[in-house]
Amino acid sequence: MRGRYPLELVSPKSDQGLNSTFGNRPEVVAACALLYMNAADAAARGITDGDNVRLFNGRGECRLVASVGGLVAPGVVAARSVPWNKPAASGRNVNALTSDRCADMGKAAVFYSCLVEVQKCYS
């Protein structure tokens, strides 16, 4: 699986809202439209700061804007979770990439274990 999807997605909550409550505000939409990438991972994919990108795995995809720098470690990408789908560029958020299964211990969510790949969008 890691061969096809070599990056680990981290999806912290937005600082601008509580879950999806208050999620349909311009500042929330803007904050949740970014994909934070390490400069080395971005360079390996021909991605530069501000590029439109497709974040995907076998479960789904969403479109975001690359924010390239040193905020995340190599091998990790981060995008804010739980924005509304409707205002998103592709009509989907990072929840489209996470599994809906439950963990074997305590039946907790497994969305903290999500492998993905990123491609630059040319259109």
Protein backbone atom coordinates (compact mmCIF):
# COMPACT_ATOMS: atom_id res chain seq x y z
CA MET A 1 0.00 0.00 0.00
CA ARG A 2 2.79 2.45 0.89
CA GLY A 3 4.26 1.89 -2.59
CA ARG A 4 1.15 3.31 -4.27
CA TYR A 5 0.40 5.90 -1.59
CA PRO A 6 3.71 6.91 0.02
CA LEU A 7 2.55 9.91 2.03
CA GLU A 8 0.86 9.89 5.44
CA LEU A 9 -2.09 12.31 5.67
CA VAL A 10 -2.63 14.17 8.92
CA SER A 11 -5.94 16.02 9.12
CA PRO A 12 -6.18 18.24 12.21
CA LYS A 13 -9.33 20.19 12.90
CA SER A 14 -9.61 23.76 11.68
CA ASP A 15 -8.88 26.49 14.19
CA GLN A 16 -11.75 28.44 12.64
CA GLY A 17 -14.65 26.19 13.63
CA LEU A 18 -15.90 23.33 15.75
CA ASN A 19 -16.28 20.23 13.60
CA SER A 20 -18.41 21.42 10.67
CA THR A 21 -20.23 23.99 12.80
CA PHE A 22 -19.53 27.47 11.44
CA GLY A 23 -17.78 25.73 8.52
CA ASN A 24 -19.39 27.74 5.74
CA ARG A 25 -17.41 30.95 6.29
CA PRO A 26 -14.81 32.37 3.87
CA GLU A 27 -11.94 32.12 6.37
CA VAL A 28 -12.75 28.45 7.08
CA VAL A 29 -13.04 27.63 3.38
CA ALA A 30 -9.67 29.32 2.71
CA ALA A 31 -7.90 27.59 5.63
CA CYS A 32 -9.28 24.19 4.65
CA ALA A 33 -8.27 24.57 0.99
CA LEU A 34 -4.56 24.17 1.76
CA LEU A 35 -2.41 21.05 1.63
CA TYR A 36 0.77 21.46 3.64
CA MET A 37 3.70 19.65 2.03
CA ASN A 38 7.37 19.31 2.86
CA ALA A 39 9.57 21.01 0.26
CA ALA A 40 11.37 17.75 -0.61
CA ASP A 41 8.12 15.86 -1.25
CA ALA A 42 6.74 18.73 -3.32
CA ALA A 43 9.92 19.03 -5.41
CA ALA A 44 9.88 15.28 -6.13
CA ARG A 45 6.41 15.75 -7.64
CA GLY A 46 7.10 19.01 -9.50
CA ILE A 47 4.84 20.94 -7.13
CA THR A 48 5.50 24.50 -6.01
CA ASP A 49 3.83 26.73 -3.45
CA GLY A 50 0.38 27.81 -4.65
CA ASP A 51 -0.10 25.00 -7.20
CA ASN A 52 -3.47 23.29 -7.44
CA VAL A 53 -3.05 19.65 -6.43
CA ARG A 54 -5.04 16.45 -6.38
CA LEU A 55 -4.80 14.51 -3.10
CA PHE A 56 -5.95 10.91 -3.58
CA ASN A 57 -5.90 7.26 -2.61
CA GLY A 58 -8.03 4.21 -3.39
CA ARG A 59 -10.98 5.63 -1.41
CA GLY A 60 -11.33 9.00 -3.12
CA GLU A 61 -9.79 12.34 -3.92
CA CYS A 62 -10.03 16.05 -3.29
CA ARG A 63 -8.47 19.17 -4.81
CA LEU A 64 -6.44 21.57 -2.68
CA VAL A 65 -3.79 24.29 -2.98
CA ALA A 66 -0.21 23.36 -2.09
CA SER A 67 1.45 25.20 0.77
CA VAL A 68 5.08 24.13 0.45
CA GLY A 69 7.60 24.58 3.22
CA GLY A 70 8.86 23.04 6.40
CA LEU A 71 5.67 22.80 8.47
CA VAL A 72 5.42 19.03 7.99
CA ALA A 73 8.07 16.32 8.00
CA PRO A 74 9.12 14.52 4.82
CA GLY A 75 6.63 11.77 4.02
CA VAL A 76 3.74 13.65 5.65
CA VAL A 77 1.08 15.97 4.23
CA ALA A 78 -1.53 17.86 6.24
CA ALA A 79 -4.93 19.31 5.41
CA ARG A 80 -7.58 20.65 7.77
CA SER A 81 -10.51 18.31 8.28
CA VAL A 82 -14.25 18.72 8.36
CA PRO A 83 -14.85 21.75 6.16
CA TRP A 84 -18.11 21.67 4.27
CA ASN A 85 -17.93 19.82 0.96
CA LYS A 86 -20.01 22.31 -1.00
CA PRO A 87 -17.54 25.24 -1.19
CA ALA A 88 -14.50 22.99 -1.77
CA ALA A 89 -12.87 23.21 -5.20
CA SER A 90 -13.76 19.60 -6.03
CA GLY A 91 -16.90 19.39 -3.89
CA ARG A 92 -15.05 17.01 -1.54
CA ASN A 93 -12.88 17.34 1.53
CA VAL A 94 -10.21 15.08 3.07
CA ASN A 95 -12.90 12.91 4.64
CA ALA A 96 -13.27 11.33 1.18
CA LEU A 97 -9.83 9.76 1.70
CA THR A 98 -10.29 8.24 5.14
CA SER A 99 -11.61 4.81 6.01
CA ASP A 100 -14.99 4.48 7.71
CA ARG A 101 -13.99 1.27 9.49
CA CYS A 102 -13.45 1.12 13.24
CA ALA A 103 -10.21 0.26 14.99
CA ASP A 104 -9.93 -3.14 16.62
CA MET A 105 -9.19 -1.55 19.99
CA GLY A 106 -12.14 0.38 21.40
CA LYS A 107 -13.89 0.75 18.04
CA ALA A 108 -12.26 4.18 17.61
CA ALA A 109 -11.91 6.00 14.30
CA VAL A 110 -8.97 5.09 12.07
CA PHE A 111 -8.67 8.39 10.21
CA TYR A 112 -5.23 8.99 11.71
CA SER A 113 -3.83 6.24 9.52
CA CYS A 114 -4.37 7.40 5.97
CA LEU A 115 -1.92 6.87 3.11
CA VAL A 116 -2.19 9.18 0.07
CA GLU A 117 -0.43 10.48 -3.03
CA VAL A 118 -0.37 14.02 -4.46
CA GLN A 119 -0.31 15.15 -8.09
CA LYS A 120 -0.06 18.62 -9.57
CA CYS A 121 -3.21 19.68 -11.43
CA TYR A 122 -2.61 21.23 -14.84
CA SER A 123 -6.18 22.33 -15.55
